[in-house]
Amino acid sequence: MRSVVQRVKSAQVQIDGEVVGKISGGLLVLLGVCDEDTEQDVTWLADKIAGLRIFTDENDKMNLSLEDVGGGVLVVSQFTLYGNCKKGRRPNFSAAGKPDFAEKMYNKFTEYLRGRIKTVETGRFGADMLVSLENDGPVTLILDSKE
């Protein structure tokens, strides 16, 4: 399971002009699933994201977690995180999880995260989405449960 995590002041997802997910501050998580992912990957990644100390404290040091600051999470499925660009100019997405499995794991991830974080919003799996964000910092991290 792979993710790109961005600290944001705000983020939202629109589908066909309708806002389907929105947070006022916290983390935008772009989430990719591969067919080898397990429930251990789900819990490891969700726990890691919830506990990452990437928010500033009173001394302007990155020392607080999402749980500490009470921020929200916007989770957006993104199979392209498993794109391989080593050969040619067209990415190969064969490492991305098959849609049925990936959607199941995406849903498990968001549900598990809801057990830790008060506000968890999502896009819609498999939809063509317009993601808008106001990056804070910027702070952007790549997390992979297999590494």
Protein backbone atom coordinates (compact mmCIF):
# COMPACT_ATOMS: atom_id res chain seq x y z
CA MET A 1 0.00 0.00 0.00
CA ARG A 2 1.41 3.36 -1.05
CA SER A 3 0.45 6.86 -0.15
CA VAL A 4 1.39 10.42 -0.80
CA VAL A 5 0.58 12.42 2.33
CA GLN A 6 0.31 16.20 2.16
CA ARG A 7 -0.24 18.52 5.10
CA VAL A 8 -3.00 20.91 4.03
CA LYS A 9 -4.85 23.96 5.26
CA SER A 10 -7.81 22.77 3.17
CA ALA A 11 -8.60 20.13 0.55
CA GLN A 12 -11.63 18.96 -1.37
CA VAL A 13 -12.71 16.51 -4.04
CA GLN A 14 -15.29 17.27 -6.70
CA ILE A 15 -17.01 14.85 -9.04
CA ASP A 16 -19.00 16.36 -11.90
CA GLY A 17 -18.98 19.74 -10.13
CA GLU A 18 -20.28 18.34 -6.82
CA VAL A 19 -18.07 18.45 -3.70
CA VAL A 20 -18.06 14.90 -2.30
CA GLY A 21 -15.31 15.28 0.31
CA LYS A 22 -13.83 18.30 2.06
CA ILE A 23 -11.60 19.08 5.06
CA SER A 24 -10.61 22.43 6.52
CA GLY A 25 -7.20 21.31 7.76
CA GLY A 26 -5.15 18.17 8.23
CA LEU A 27 -3.89 15.68 5.67
CA LEU A 28 -4.68 14.83 2.08
CA VAL A 29 -3.84 11.16 1.50
CA LEU A 30 -3.54 9.83 -2.04
CA LEU A 31 -3.80 6.05 -1.63
CA GLY A 32 -2.65 3.29 -3.96
CA VAL A 33 -3.32 -0.42 -3.45
CA CYS A 34 -1.50 -3.44 -4.92
CA ASP A 35 -2.78 -7.02 -5.05
CA GLU A 36 -0.26 -8.15 -2.39
CA ASP A 37 -1.66 -5.78 0.25
CA THR A 38 -3.09 -7.28 3.43
CA GLU A 39 -4.96 -6.05 6.47
CA GLN A 40 -1.55 -5.60 8.13
CA ASP A 41 -0.68 -3.06 5.41
CA VAL A 42 -3.98 -1.27 6.08
CA THR A 43 -3.41 -0.96 9.82
CA TRP A 44 0.30 -0.15 9.54
CA LEU A 45 -0.27 2.68 7.06
CA ALA A 46 -3.32 4.12 8.82
CA ASP A 47 -1.55 4.04 12.21
CA LYS A 48 1.55 5.63 10.68
CA ILE A 49 -0.47 8.45 9.09
CA ALA A 50 -2.51 9.14 12.23
CA GLY A 51 0.63 9.31 14.37
CA LEU A 52 3.04 11.16 12.07
CA ARG A 53 4.47 14.14 13.94
CA ILE A 54 4.34 16.64 11.06
CA PHE A 55 2.32 19.49 12.61
CA THR A 56 4.08 22.33 14.38
CA ASP A 57 3.99 22.87 18.12
CA GLU A 58 4.20 26.15 20.04
CA ASN A 59 7.96 26.28 19.30
CA ASP A 60 7.37 25.95 15.54
CA LYS A 61 8.83 22.41 15.52
CA MET A 62 7.17 19.52 13.70
CA ASN A 63 6.28 17.67 16.86
CA LEU A 64 2.51 17.07 16.79
CA SER A 65 0.44 14.41 15.06
CA LEU A 66 -2.90 14.61 13.31
CA GLU A 67 -4.46 13.12 16.44
CA ASP A 68 -2.80 15.82 18.58
CA VAL A 69 -4.11 18.72 16.47
CA GLY A 70 -7.55 17.25 15.77
CA GLY A 71 -7.18 17.61 12.01
CA GLY A 72 -9.14 15.81 9.34
CA VAL A 73 -8.09 13.45 6.57
CA LEU A 74 -9.23 13.44 2.96
CA VAL A 75 -8.47 10.04 1.38
CA VAL A 76 -8.43 9.80 -2.42
CA SER A 77 -7.83 6.54 -4.28
CA GLN A 78 -5.00 6.78 -6.80
CA PHE A 79 -3.93 3.65 -8.66
CA THR A 80 -1.33 5.68 -10.58
CA LEU A 81 0.93 5.53 -7.50
CA TYR A 82 1.82 2.06 -8.79
CA GLY A 83 2.74 3.36 -12.25
CA ASN A 84 6.09 2.15 -13.54
CA CYS A 85 7.84 4.59 -15.88
CA LYS A 86 11.15 2.76 -16.35
CA LYS A 87 10.52 1.73 -19.96
CA GLY A 88 9.18 3.92 -22.73
CA ARG A 89 7.05 6.96 -22.14
CA ARG A 90 3.73 5.40 -21.22
CA PRO A 91 3.42 4.29 -17.58
CA ASN A 92 2.70 0.63 -16.90
CA PHE A 93 0.06 0.14 -14.20
CA SER A 94 0.20 -3.66 -13.96
CA ALA A 95 1.41 -3.46 -10.33
CA ALA A 96 -1.77 -1.62 -9.25
CA GLY A 97 -4.39 -3.69 -7.46
CA LYS A 98 -7.30 -5.11 -9.44
CA PRO A 99 -10.31 -2.79 -9.06
CA ASP A 100 -12.52 -5.05 -6.88
CA PHE A 101 -9.70 -5.88 -4.48
CA ALA A 102 -8.32 -2.32 -4.44
CA GLU A 103 -11.74 -0.86 -3.62
CA LYS A 104 -12.19 -3.34 -0.77
CA MET A 105 -8.79 -2.41 0.69
CA TYR A 106 -9.43 1.32 0.18
CA ASN A 107 -12.68 0.97 2.14
CA LYS A 108 -10.95 -1.01 4.91
CA PHE A 109 -8.29 1.70 5.13
CA THR A 110 -10.81 4.53 5.47
CA GLU A 111 -12.91 2.61 7.99
CA TYR A 112 -9.89 1.78 10.12
CA LEU A 113 -8.73 5.40 9.98
CA ARG A 114 -12.21 6.53 11.11
CA GLY A 115 -11.57 4.56 14.30
CA ARG A 116 -8.60 6.85 15.04
CA ILE A 117 -9.46 10.20 13.46
CA LYS A 118 -12.70 12.11 14.00
CA THR A 119 -13.02 13.57 10.49
CA VAL A 120 -12.28 11.28 7.54
CA GLU A 121 -13.63 12.32 4.15
CA THR A 122 -13.18 10.51 0.84
CA GLY A 123 -13.45 10.82 -2.86
CA ARG A 124 -15.23 8.10 -4.84
CA PHE A 125 -13.26 5.02 -5.82
CA GLY A 126 -12.71 4.78 -9.57
CA ALA A 127 -14.30 8.14 -10.36
CA ASP A 128 -12.75 10.95 -12.37
CA MET A 129 -12.10 13.44 -9.58
CA LEU A 130 -10.95 17.03 -9.33
CA VAL A 131 -8.77 17.36 -6.21
CA SER A 132 -8.03 20.85 -4.87
CA LEU A 133 -5.75 21.62 -1.96
CA GLU A 134 -3.97 24.39 -0.15
CA ASN A 135 -0.65 22.78 0.77
CA ASP A 136 0.68 23.75 4.21
CA GLY A 137 4.43 24.07 4.42
CA PRO A 138 4.63 22.42 2.00
CA VAL A 139 4.98 19.10 3.77
CA THR A 140 4.68 16.09 1.46
CA LEU A 141 5.71 12.51 2.34
CA ILE A 142 5.64 9.21 0.51
CA LEU A 143 4.81 6.16 2.61
CA ASP A 144 4.90 2.54 1.47
CA SER A 145 3.86 -0.30 3.77
CA LYS A 146 6.26 -2.67 1.99
CA GLU A 147 9.38 -0.54 2.59
